[in-house]
C-alpha atoms as a PDB file:
ATOM      1  CA  LYS A   1     131.816  92.858 177.333  1.00  0.00           C
ATOM      2  CA  ASP A   2     128.726  95.011 177.589  1.00  0.00           C
ATOM      3  CA  ALA A   3     127.587  95.329 174.141  1.00  0.00           C
ATOM      4  CA  VAL A   4     127.176  94.266 170.269  1.00  0.00           C
ATOM      5  CA  ILE A   5     128.931  96.643 168.010  1.00  0.00           C
ATOM      6  CA  LEU A   6     127.951  96.117 164.329  1.00  0.00           C
ATOM      7  CA  GLY A   7     129.718  97.915 161.482  1.00  0.00           C
ATOM      8  CA  THR A   8     128.878  97.797 157.537  1.00  0.00           C
ATOM      9  CA  ASP A   9     130.035  99.898 154.615  1.00  0.00           C
ATOM     10  CA  LYS A  10     127.440 101.789 152.548  1.00  0.00           C
ATOM     11  CA  ARG A  11     128.449 100.343 148.805  1.00  0.00           C
ATOM     12  CA  ALA A  12     126.384  97.866 147.117  1.00  0.00           C
ATOM     13  CA  SER A  13     127.876  96.407 143.943  1.00  0.00           C
ATOM     14  CA  MET A  14     127.418  94.025 141.295  1.00  0.00           C
ATOM     15  CA  ALA A  15     130.507  92.750 140.351  1.00  0.00           C
ATOM     16  CA  TYR A  16     132.634  95.891 139.279  1.00  0.00           C
ATOM     17  CA  PHE A  17     129.296  98.054 139.002  1.00  0.00           C
ATOM     18  CA  VAL A  18     128.635 100.138 141.909  1.00  0.00           C
ATOM     19  CA  SER A  19     124.802 100.226 142.266  1.00  0.00           C
ATOM     20  CA  SER A  20     124.435 102.325 145.351  1.00  0.00           C
ATOM     21  CA  LYS A  21     126.912 104.337 147.377  1.00  0.00           C
ATOM     22  CA  THR A  22     123.966 104.863 150.191  1.00  0.00           C
ATOM     23  CA  ALA A  23     122.963 101.070 150.679  1.00  0.00           C
ATOM     24  CA  GLU A  24     121.511 100.248 154.188  1.00  0.00           C
ATOM     25  CA  LYS A  25     123.557  97.124 155.160  1.00  0.00           C
ATOM     26  CA  LEU A  26     122.633  97.517 158.899  1.00  0.00           C
ATOM     27  CA  HIS A  27     119.069  96.845 160.074  1.00  0.00           C
ATOM     28  CA  LYS A  28     117.223  96.734 163.317  1.00  0.00           C
ATOM     29  CA  ILE A  29     115.190  93.785 163.805  1.00  0.00           C
ATOM     30  CA  GLN A  30     113.842  94.530 167.304  1.00  0.00           C
ATOM     31  CA  GLU A  31     115.030  97.001 169.798  1.00  0.00           C
ATOM     32  CA  HIS A  32     117.578  94.721 171.337  1.00  0.00           C
ATOM     33  CA  LEU A  33     118.328  92.808 167.967  1.00  0.00           C
ATOM     34  CA  TYR A  34     120.267  94.080 164.973  1.00  0.00           C
ATOM     35  CA  MET A  35     121.344  92.327 161.820  1.00  0.00           C
ATOM     36  CA  THR A  36     124.022  93.183 159.045  1.00  0.00           C
ATOM     37  CA  ILE A  37     123.695  91.787 155.203  1.00  0.00           C
ATOM     38  CA  ALA A  38     125.942  91.032 152.418  1.00  0.00           C
ATOM     39  CA  GLY A  39     124.970  89.469 149.178  1.00  0.00           C
ATOM     40  CA  THR A  40     122.040  89.708 146.903  1.00  0.00           C
ATOM     41  CA  VAL A  41     120.109  92.643 148.245  1.00  0.00           C
ATOM     42  CA  ALA A  42     116.759  91.389 147.365  1.00  0.00           C
ATOM     43  CA  ASP A  43     117.332  88.216 149.141  1.00  0.00           C
ATOM     44  CA  ALA A  44     118.549  90.061 152.261  1.00  0.00           C
ATOM     45  CA  GLN A  45     115.503  92.516 152.401  1.00  0.00           C
ATOM     46  CA  TYR A  46     113.165  89.513 152.066  1.00  0.00           C
ATOM     47  CA  LEU A  47     114.842  87.870 155.188  1.00  0.00           C
ATOM     48  CA  ILE A  48     114.637  91.207 157.140  1.00  0.00           C
ATOM     49  CA  ASP A  49     111.067  91.338 156.621  1.00  0.00           C
ATOM     50  CA  VAL A  50     110.198  87.873 157.287  1.00  0.00           C
ATOM     51  CA  LEU A  51     112.440  88.114 160.703  1.00  0.00           C
ATOM     52  CA  LYS A  52     111.053  91.293 161.558  1.00  0.00           C
ATOM     53  CA  ALA A  53     107.805  89.940 161.705  1.00  0.00           C
ATOM     54  CA  GLU A  54     108.166  86.564 163.088  1.00  0.00           C
ATOM     55  CA  THR A  55     110.358  88.191 166.072  1.00  0.00           C
ATOM     56  CA  SER A  56     107.427  90.594 166.575  1.00  0.00           C
ATOM     57  CA  LEU A  57     104.677  88.007 166.764  1.00  0.00           C
ATOM     58  CA  TYR A  58     106.796  85.921 168.898  1.00  0.00           C
ATOM     59  CA  GLN A  59     107.264  89.044 171.416  1.00  0.00           C
ATOM     60  CA  TYR A  60     103.571  89.895 170.906  1.00  0.00           C
ATOM     61  CA  LYS A  61     102.440  86.326 172.121  1.00  0.00           C
ATOM     62  CA  LYS A  62     105.014  86.316 175.092  1.00  0.00           C
ATOM     63  CA  GLU A  63     105.107  89.808 176.037  1.00  0.00           C
ATOM     64  CA  LYS A  64     108.808  89.651 176.380  1.00  0.00           C
ATOM     65  CA  PRO A  65     112.075  90.129 174.212  1.00  0.00           C
ATOM     66  CA  ILE A  66     113.094  87.202 172.094  1.00  0.00           C
ATOM     67  CA  LYS A  67     116.525  86.019 172.728  1.00  0.00           C
ATOM     68  CA  VAL A  68     119.159  86.524 170.092  1.00  0.00           C
ATOM     69  CA  LYS A  69     119.725  82.784 169.837  1.00  0.00           C
ATOM     70  CA  SER A  70     116.054  81.936 169.417  1.00  0.00           C
ATOM     71  CA  ALA A  71     115.761  84.708 166.554  1.00  0.00           C
ATOM     72  CA  GLY A  72     118.913  83.135 164.965  1.00  0.00           C
ATOM     73  CA  LYS A  73     117.373  79.618 165.049  1.00  0.00           C
ATOM     74  CA  MET A  74     114.253  81.384 163.100  1.00  0.00           C
ATOM     75  CA  LEU A  75     116.437  82.757 160.619  1.00  0.00           C
ATOM     76  CA  SER A  76     118.231  79.189 160.245  1.00  0.00           C
ATOM     77  CA  ASN A  77     115.331  77.336 159.817  1.00  0.00           C
ATOM     78  CA  ILE A  78     114.050  79.456 156.941  1.00  0.00           C
ATOM     79  CA  LEU A  79     117.383  79.443 155.187  1.00  0.00           C
ATOM     80  CA  TYR A  80     117.602  75.623 155.976  1.00  0.00           C
ATOM     81  CA  GLN A  81     114.327  75.102 154.414  1.00  0.00           C
ATOM     82  CA  ASN A  82     115.472  76.594 151.118  1.00  0.00           C
ATOM     83  CA  LYS A  83     119.021  74.934 150.740  1.00  0.00           C
ATOM     84  CA  MET A  84     118.297  73.630 147.458  1.00  0.00           C
ATOM     85  CA  PHE A  85     117.647  77.134 146.027  1.00  0.00           C
ATOM     86  CA  PRO A  86     119.676  78.922 148.751  1.00  0.00           C
ATOM     87  CA  TYR A  87     119.182  82.694 149.518  1.00  0.00           C
ATOM     88  CA  GLN A  88     122.581  84.017 148.440  1.00  0.00           C
ATOM     89  CA  VAL A  89     123.255  86.202 151.809  1.00  0.00           C
ATOM     90  CA  GLY A  90     125.847  86.672 154.439  1.00  0.00           C
ATOM     91  CA  LEU A  91     124.123  87.662 157.692  1.00  0.00           C
ATOM     92  CA  LEU A  92     125.488  88.782 161.058  1.00  0.00           C
ATOM     93  CA  LEU A  93     122.738  88.857 164.052  1.00  0.00           C
ATOM     94  CA  GLY A  94     123.768  90.500 167.032  1.00  0.00           C
ATOM     95  CA  GLY A  95     121.905  91.634 170.383  1.00  0.00           C
ATOM     96  CA  VAL A  96     121.917  91.882 174.140  1.00  0.00           C
ATOM     97  CA  THR A  97     119.121  90.344 176.244  1.00  0.00           C
ATOM     98  CA  GLU A  98     119.106  90.111 180.079  1.00  0.00           C
ATOM     99  CA  GLU A  99     119.452  86.442 180.099  1.00  0.00           C
ATOM    100  CA  GLU A 100     122.009  85.790 177.187  1.00  0.00           C
ATOM    101  CA  GLY A 101     123.987  89.090 177.627  1.00  0.00           C
ATOM    102  CA  PRO A 102     125.881  90.183 174.110  1.00  0.00           C
ATOM    103  CA  ILE A 103     125.401  87.638 171.471  1.00  0.00           C
ATOM    104  CA  LEU A 104     126.771  87.823 168.081  1.00  0.00           C
ATOM    105  CA  LEU A 105     125.844  84.856 165.505  1.00  0.00           C
ATOM    106  CA  ASP A 106     127.204  84.455 161.828  1.00  0.00           C
ATOM    107  CA  ILE A 107     124.182  82.897 160.095  1.00  0.00           C
ATOM    108  CA  GLY A 108     125.247  81.344 156.586  1.00  0.00           C
ATOM    109  CA  ALA A 109     123.516  80.918 153.501  1.00  0.00           C
ATOM    110  CA  TYR A 110     122.202  77.371 154.368  1.00  0.00           C
ATOM    111  CA  GLY A 111     121.432  78.023 157.942  1.00  0.00           C
ATOM    112  CA  SER A 112     124.346  77.318 159.761  1.00  0.00           C
ATOM    113  CA  ILE A 113     124.507  79.207 163.239  1.00  0.00           C
ATOM    114  CA  LEU A 114     128.289  80.189 164.484  1.00  0.00           C
ATOM    115  CA  PRO A 115     128.443  82.010 167.960  1.00  0.00           C
ATOM    116  CA  GLU A 116     131.508  84.397 167.544  1.00  0.00           C
ATOM    117  CA  LYS A 117     133.013  86.843 169.520  1.00  0.00           C
ATOM    118  CA  PHE A 118     133.906  88.855 166.153  1.00  0.00           C
ATOM    119  CA  ALA A 119     133.012  87.951 162.628  1.00  0.00           C
ATOM    120  CA  SER A 120     132.578  89.669 158.954  1.00  0.00           C
ATOM    121  CA  VAL A 121     130.975  88.693 156.099  1.00  0.00           C
ATOM    122  CA  GLY A 122     130.832  89.986 152.619  1.00  0.00           C
ATOM    123  CA  SER A 123     133.513  90.573 149.905  1.00  0.00           C
ATOM    124  CA  GLY A 124     135.871  92.635 152.139  1.00  0.00           C
ATOM    125  CA  GLN A 125     135.802  90.117 155.184  1.00  0.00           C
ATOM    126  CA  ASN A 126     139.388  89.110 154.561  1.00  0.00           C
ATOM    127  CA  PHE A 127     140.650  92.674 155.112  1.00  0.00           C
ATOM    128  CA  SER A 128     138.478  93.252 158.055  1.00  0.00           C
ATOM    129  CA  TYR A 129     139.497  89.918 159.609  1.00  0.00           C
ATOM    130  CA  GLY A 130     142.992  90.758 159.703  1.00  0.00           C
ATOM    131  CA  VAL A 131     141.938  93.766 161.810  1.00  0.00           C
ATOM    132  CA  LEU A 132     139.580  91.879 163.978  1.00  0.00           C
ATOM    133  CA  GLU A 133     142.109  89.314 164.578  1.00  0.00           C
ATOM    134  CA  ALA A 134     145.116  91.315 165.537  1.00  0.00           C
ATOM    135  CA  LYS A 135     143.021  93.840 167.680  1.00  0.00           C
ATOM    136  CA  PHE A 136     140.122  91.780 169.515  1.00  0.00           C
ATOM    137  CA  LYS A 137     140.744  90.739 173.008  1.00  0.00           C
ATOM    138  CA  GLU A 138     138.413  89.964 175.657  1.00  0.00           C
ATOM    139  CA  ASN A 139     136.310  92.304 177.819  1.00  0.00           C
ATOM    140  CA  LEU A 140     136.639  95.616 175.561  1.00  0.00           C
ATOM    141  CA  SER A 141     135.127  98.694 176.481  1.00  0.00           C
ATOM    142  CA  ILE A 142     132.338  99.943 174.017  1.00  0.00           C
ATOM    143  CA  THR A 143     134.836 102.740 172.979  1.00  0.00           C
ATOM    144  CA  GLU A 144     137.753 100.325 172.390  1.00  0.00           C
ATOM    145  CA  GLY A 145     135.075  98.063 170.549  1.00  0.00           C
ATOM    146  CA  LYS A 146     133.710 100.810 168.314  1.00  0.00           C
ATOM    147  CA  GLU A 147     137.247 101.695 167.224  1.00  0.00           C
ATOM    148  CA  ILE A 148     138.080  98.349 166.304  1.00  0.00           C
ATOM    149  CA  VAL A 149     134.949  98.106 163.944  1.00  0.00           C
ATOM    150  CA  ILE A 150     135.605 101.233 162.430  1.00  0.00           C
ATOM    151  CA  LYS A 151     139.476 100.015 161.827  1.00  0.00           C
ATOM    152  CA  ALA A 152     138.079  96.833 160.417  1.00  0.00           C
ATOM    153  CA  VAL A 153     135.473  98.021 158.087  1.00  0.00           C
ATOM    154  CA  THR A 154     138.074 101.014 156.753  1.00  0.00           C
ATOM    155  CA  SER A 155     140.715  98.320 156.258  1.00  0.00           C
ATOM    156  CA  SER A 156     138.010  96.527 153.562  1.00  0.00           C
ATOM    157  CA  ILE A 157     136.817  99.896 152.077  1.00  0.00           C
ATOM    158  CA  ILE A 158     140.590 100.588 151.487  1.00  0.00           C
ATOM    159  CA  ARG A 159     141.365  97.308 149.739  1.00  0.00           C
ATOM    160  CA  ASP A 160     137.921  96.034 148.285  1.00  0.00           C
ATOM    161  CA  ILE A 161     136.536  97.832 145.273  1.00  0.00           C
ATOM    162  CA  ALA A 162     133.211  96.703 146.242  1.00  0.00           C
ATOM    163  CA  SER A 163     133.270  98.075 149.793  1.00  0.00           C
ATOM    164  CA  GLY A 164     132.855 101.914 150.582  1.00  0.00           C
ATOM    165  CA  ASN A 165     131.296 105.071 151.214  1.00  0.00           C
ATOM    166  CA  GLY A 166     131.282 105.217 154.641  1.00  0.00           C
ATOM    167  CA  ILE A 167     130.452 102.947 157.782  1.00  0.00           C
ATOM    168  CA  ASP A 168     127.131 102.702 159.461  1.00  0.00           C
ATOM    169  CA  ILE A 169     127.506 101.444 163.259  1.00  0.00           C
ATOM    170  CA  ALA A 170     125.090 100.097 165.841  1.00  0.00           C
ATOM    171  CA  ILE A 171     126.071  99.429 169.432  1.00  0.00           C
ATOM    172  CA  VAL A 172     123.129  97.287 170.870  1.00  0.00           C
ATOM    173  CA  LYS A 173     123.342  97.326 174.779  1.00  0.00           C
ATOM    174  CA  LYS A 174     121.413  96.041 177.462  1.00  0.00           C
ATOM    175  CA  ASP A 175     118.452  98.187 178.696  1.00  0.00           C
ATOM    176  CA  ALA A 176     119.298 100.873 176.391  1.00  0.00           C
ATOM    177  CA  PRO A 177     118.258 101.998 172.897  1.00  0.00           C
ATOM    178  CA  ALA A 178     121.019 100.773 170.162  1.00  0.00           C
ATOM    179  CA  GLU A 179     123.180 103.795 169.311  1.00  0.00           C
ATOM    180  CA  ARG A 180     123.573 104.410 165.798  1.00  0.00           C
ATOM    181  CA  ASP A 181     126.470 106.467 163.936  1.00  0.00           C
ATOM    182  CA  PHE A 182     127.638 107.321 160.357  1.00  0.00           C
ATOM    183  CA  ILE A 183     131.368 107.677 159.848  1.00  0.00           C
ATOM    184  CA  ALA A 184     132.351 109.288 156.628  1.00  0.00           C
ATOM    185  CA  ILE A 185     135.660 107.872 155.331  1.00  0.00           C
ATOM    186  CA  LYS A 186     138.036 109.457 152.910  1.00  0.00           C
ATOM    187  CA  GLU A 187     138.518 107.086 149.950  1.00  0.00           C
END
Protein backbone atom coordinates (compact mmCIF):
# COMPACT_ATOMS: atom_id res chain seq x y z
CA LYS A 1 0.00 0.00 0.00
CA ASP A 2 2.93 2.40 0.64
CA ALA A 3 5.65 1.19 -1.73
CA VAL A 4 6.61 -0.64 -4.88
CA ILE A 5 8.77 -3.71 -4.26
CA LEU A 6 10.81 -5.04 -7.16
CA GLY A 7 12.83 -8.26 -7.09
CA THR A 8 15.04 -10.10 -9.56
CA ASP A 9 17.38 -13.03 -9.66
CA LYS A 10 21.07 -12.60 -10.59
CA ARG A 11 21.55 -15.12 -13.43
CA ALA A 12 21.94 -14.20 -17.09
CA SER A 13 21.74 -17.06 -19.55
CA MET A 14 21.77 -17.85 -23.24
CA ALA A 15 19.56 -20.90 -23.67
CA TYR A 16 21.24 -23.55 -21.45
CA PHE A 17 24.48 -21.58 -21.02
CA VAL A 18 24.87 -19.49 -17.87
CA SER A 19 26.67 -16.35 -19.03
CA SER A 20 26.70 -14.54 -15.66
CA LYS A 21 25.92 -15.33 -12.03
CA THR A 22 26.11 -11.66 -10.99
CA ALA A 23 23.93 -9.95 -13.58
CA GLU A 24 22.30 -6.65 -12.63
CA LYS A 25 18.62 -6.89 -13.53
CA LEU A 26 17.38 -4.21 -11.12
CA HIS A 27 18.24 -0.64 -12.11
CA LYS A 28 17.72 2.79 -10.57
CA ILE A 29 16.38 5.15 -13.23
CA GLN A 30 15.79 8.05 -10.80
CA GLU A 31 15.61 8.22 -7.01
CA HIS A 32 11.90 7.35 -7.07
CA LEU A 33 11.91 5.13 -10.17
CA TYR A 34 13.35 1.63 -10.67
CA MET A 35 13.20 -0.90 -13.51
CA THR A 36 13.73 -4.64 -13.80
CA ILE A 37 14.90 -6.24 -17.03
CA ALA A 38 14.53 -9.58 -18.75
CA GLY A 39 15.53 -10.61 -22.24
CA THR A 40 18.50 -9.51 -24.31
CA VAL A 41 20.95 -7.74 -22.02
CA ALA A 42 22.37 -5.37 -24.65
CA ASP A 43 18.88 -4.17 -25.62
CA ALA A 44 17.92 -3.67 -21.97
CA GLN A 45 21.13 -1.81 -21.11
CA TYR A 46 20.61 0.57 -24.03
CA LEU A 47 17.02 1.27 -22.95
CA ILE A 48 18.13 1.86 -19.35
CA ASP A 49 20.69 4.44 -20.51
CA VAL A 50 18.18 6.21 -22.74
CA LEU A 51 15.47 6.26 -20.07
CA LYS A 52 17.89 7.59 -17.43
CA ALA A 53 18.97 10.38 -19.79
CA GLU A 54 15.46 11.31 -20.92
CA THR A 55 13.99 11.31 -17.40
CA SER A 56 16.95 13.37 -16.12
CA LEU A 57 16.40 15.94 -18.87
CA TYR A 58 12.69 16.09 -18.04
CA GLN A 59 13.40 16.60 -14.35
CA TYR A 60 16.02 19.24 -15.06
CA LYS A 61 13.60 21.21 -17.24
CA LYS A 62 10.52 20.81 -15.01
CA GLU A 63 12.40 20.97 -11.70
CA LYS A 64 10.35 18.14 -10.23
CA PRO A 65 10.38 14.32 -10.30
CA ILE A 66 8.90 12.73 -13.40
CA LYS A 67 5.69 10.78 -12.85
CA VAL A 68 6.02 7.02 -13.14
CA LYS A 69 3.34 6.90 -15.85
CA SER A 70 5.14 9.64 -17.83
CA ALA A 71 8.42 7.70 -17.70
CA GLY A 72 6.49 4.59 -18.78
CA LYS A 73 5.04 6.47 -21.74
CA MET A 74 8.53 7.68 -22.74
CA LEU A 75 9.79 4.11 -22.71
CA SER A 76 6.68 2.87 -24.51
CA ASN A 77 7.22 5.40 -27.31
CA ILE A 78 10.83 4.27 -27.80
CA LEU A 79 9.77 0.63 -27.97
CA TYR A 80 6.81 1.30 -30.28
CA GLN A 81 8.97 3.26 -32.75
CA ASN A 82 11.10 0.14 -33.13
CA LYS A 83 8.31 -2.44 -33.36
CA MET A 84 9.41 -3.64 -36.81
CA PHE A 85 12.81 -4.57 -35.32
CA PRO A 86 11.84 -4.86 -31.66
CA TYR A 87 14.04 -4.79 -28.63
CA GLN A 88 13.94 -8.26 -27.13
CA VAL A 89 13.05 -7.27 -23.59
CA GLY A 90 10.52 -7.63 -20.83
CA LEU A 91 10.48 -4.64 -18.49
CA LEU A 92 8.84 -3.71 -15.20
CA LEU A 93 8.93 -0.04 -14.27
CA GLY A 94 7.96 0.89 -10.74
CA GLY A 95 8.04 3.91 -8.52
CA VAL A 96 6.24 6.23 -6.16
CA THR A 97 5.36 9.90 -6.56
CA GLU A 98 3.32 12.26 -4.40
CA GLU A 99 0.57 12.57 -7.05
CA GLU A 100 0.40 8.94 -8.15
CA GLY A 101 1.32 6.88 -5.11
CA PRO A 102 2.86 3.46 -5.83
CA ILE A 103 2.75 2.52 -9.52
CA LEU A 104 3.90 -0.68 -11.27
CA LEU A 105 3.93 -0.87 -15.08
CA ASP A 106 4.53 -3.99 -17.16
CA ILE A 107 6.01 -2.64 -20.40
CA GLY A 108 6.13 -5.01 -23.36
CA ALA A 109 8.71 -5.18 -26.13
CA TYR A 110 6.33 -3.51 -28.63
CA GLY A 111 5.50 -0.66 -26.26
CA SER A 112 2.40 -1.89 -24.46
CA ILE A 113 1.87 -0.42 -20.99
CA LEU A 114 -0.06 -2.55 -18.53
CA PRO A 115 -0.60 -1.09 -15.04
CA GLU A 116 -0.53 -3.96 -12.56
CA LYS A 117 -0.79 -4.65 -8.83
CA PHE A 118 1.83 -7.37 -9.34
CA ALA A 119 3.69 -8.67 -12.38
CA SER A 120 6.51 -10.95 -13.48
CA VAL A 121 8.62 -11.10 -16.64
CA GLY A 122 11.34 -13.41 -17.89
CA SER A 123 11.91 -17.12 -18.22
CA GLY A 124 10.76 -17.87 -14.65
CA GLN A 125 7.63 -15.73 -14.75
CA ASN A 126 5.15 -18.60 -14.72
CA PHE A 127 6.61 -19.94 -11.48
CA SER A 128 6.61 -16.47 -9.88
CA TYR A 129 3.01 -15.85 -10.93
CA GLY A 130 1.91 -18.95 -9.03
CA VAL A 131 3.17 -17.41 -5.79
CA LEU A 132 2.07 -13.84 -6.61
CA GLU A 133 -1.49 -14.88 -7.46
CA ALA A 134 -1.79 -17.04 -4.34
CA LYS A 135 -0.30 -14.57 -1.85
CA PHE A 136 -1.10 -11.04 -3.09
CA LYS A 137 -3.85 -9.07 -1.38
CA GLU A 138 -4.67 -5.37 -1.21
CA ASN A 139 -2.99 -3.11 1.38
CA LEU A 140 -0.01 -5.35 2.15
CA SER A 141 2.61 -3.95 4.50
CA ILE A 142 6.13 -3.47 3.14
CA THR A 143 7.34 -6.45 5.20
CA GLU A 144 4.56 -8.70 3.83
CA GLY A 145 5.21 -7.50 0.27
CA LYS A 146 8.95 -8.13 0.54
CA GLU A 147 8.35 -11.68 1.79
CA ILE A 148 6.02 -12.38 -1.16
CA VAL A 149 8.57 -11.05 -3.66
CA ILE A 150 11.29 -13.23 -2.11
CA LYS A 151 9.03 -16.31 -2.27
CA ALA A 152 8.05 -15.55 -5.89
CA VAL A 153 11.63 -15.14 -7.13
CA THR A 154 12.74 -18.15 -5.09
CA SER A 155 10.02 -20.21 -6.78
CA SER A 156 11.50 -19.29 -10.17
CA ILE A 157 15.05 -20.02 -9.01
CA ILE A 158 14.05 -23.48 -7.79
CA ARG A 159 12.14 -24.43 -10.96
CA ASP A 160 13.77 -22.53 -13.86
CA ILE A 161 17.33 -23.33 -14.96
CA ALA A 162 17.74 -19.83 -16.41
CA SER A 163 17.08 -18.21 -13.00
CA GLY A 164 19.33 -18.25 -9.97
CA ASN A 165 22.25 -16.99 -7.93
CA GLY A 166 20.36 -14.89 -5.39
CA ILE A 167 17.78 -12.13 -5.26
CA ASP A 168 18.13 -8.37 -5.61
CA ILE A 169 15.33 -6.34 -4.01
CA ALA A 170 14.43 -2.65 -4.14
CA ILE A 171 11.73 -1.13 -1.96
CA VAL A 172 10.73 2.22 -3.43
CA LYS A 173 8.83 4.50 -1.03
CA LYS A 174 7.52 8.05 -1.15
CA ASP A 175 9.87 10.70 0.28
CA ALA A 176 12.64 8.25 1.22
CA PRO A 177 15.59 6.69 -0.57
CA ALA A 178 14.89 3.24 -1.96
CA GLU A 179 16.06 0.35 0.19
CA ARG A 180 18.23 -2.16 -1.65
CA ASP A 181 18.96 -5.68 -0.45
CA PHE A 182 20.57 -8.88 -1.70
CA ILE A 183 19.35 -12.25 -0.46
CA ALA A 184 21.52 -15.32 -1.01
CA ILE A 185 19.54 -18.42 -1.94
CA LYS A 186 20.66 -22.02 -1.46
CA GLU A 187 20.14 -23.75 -4.78
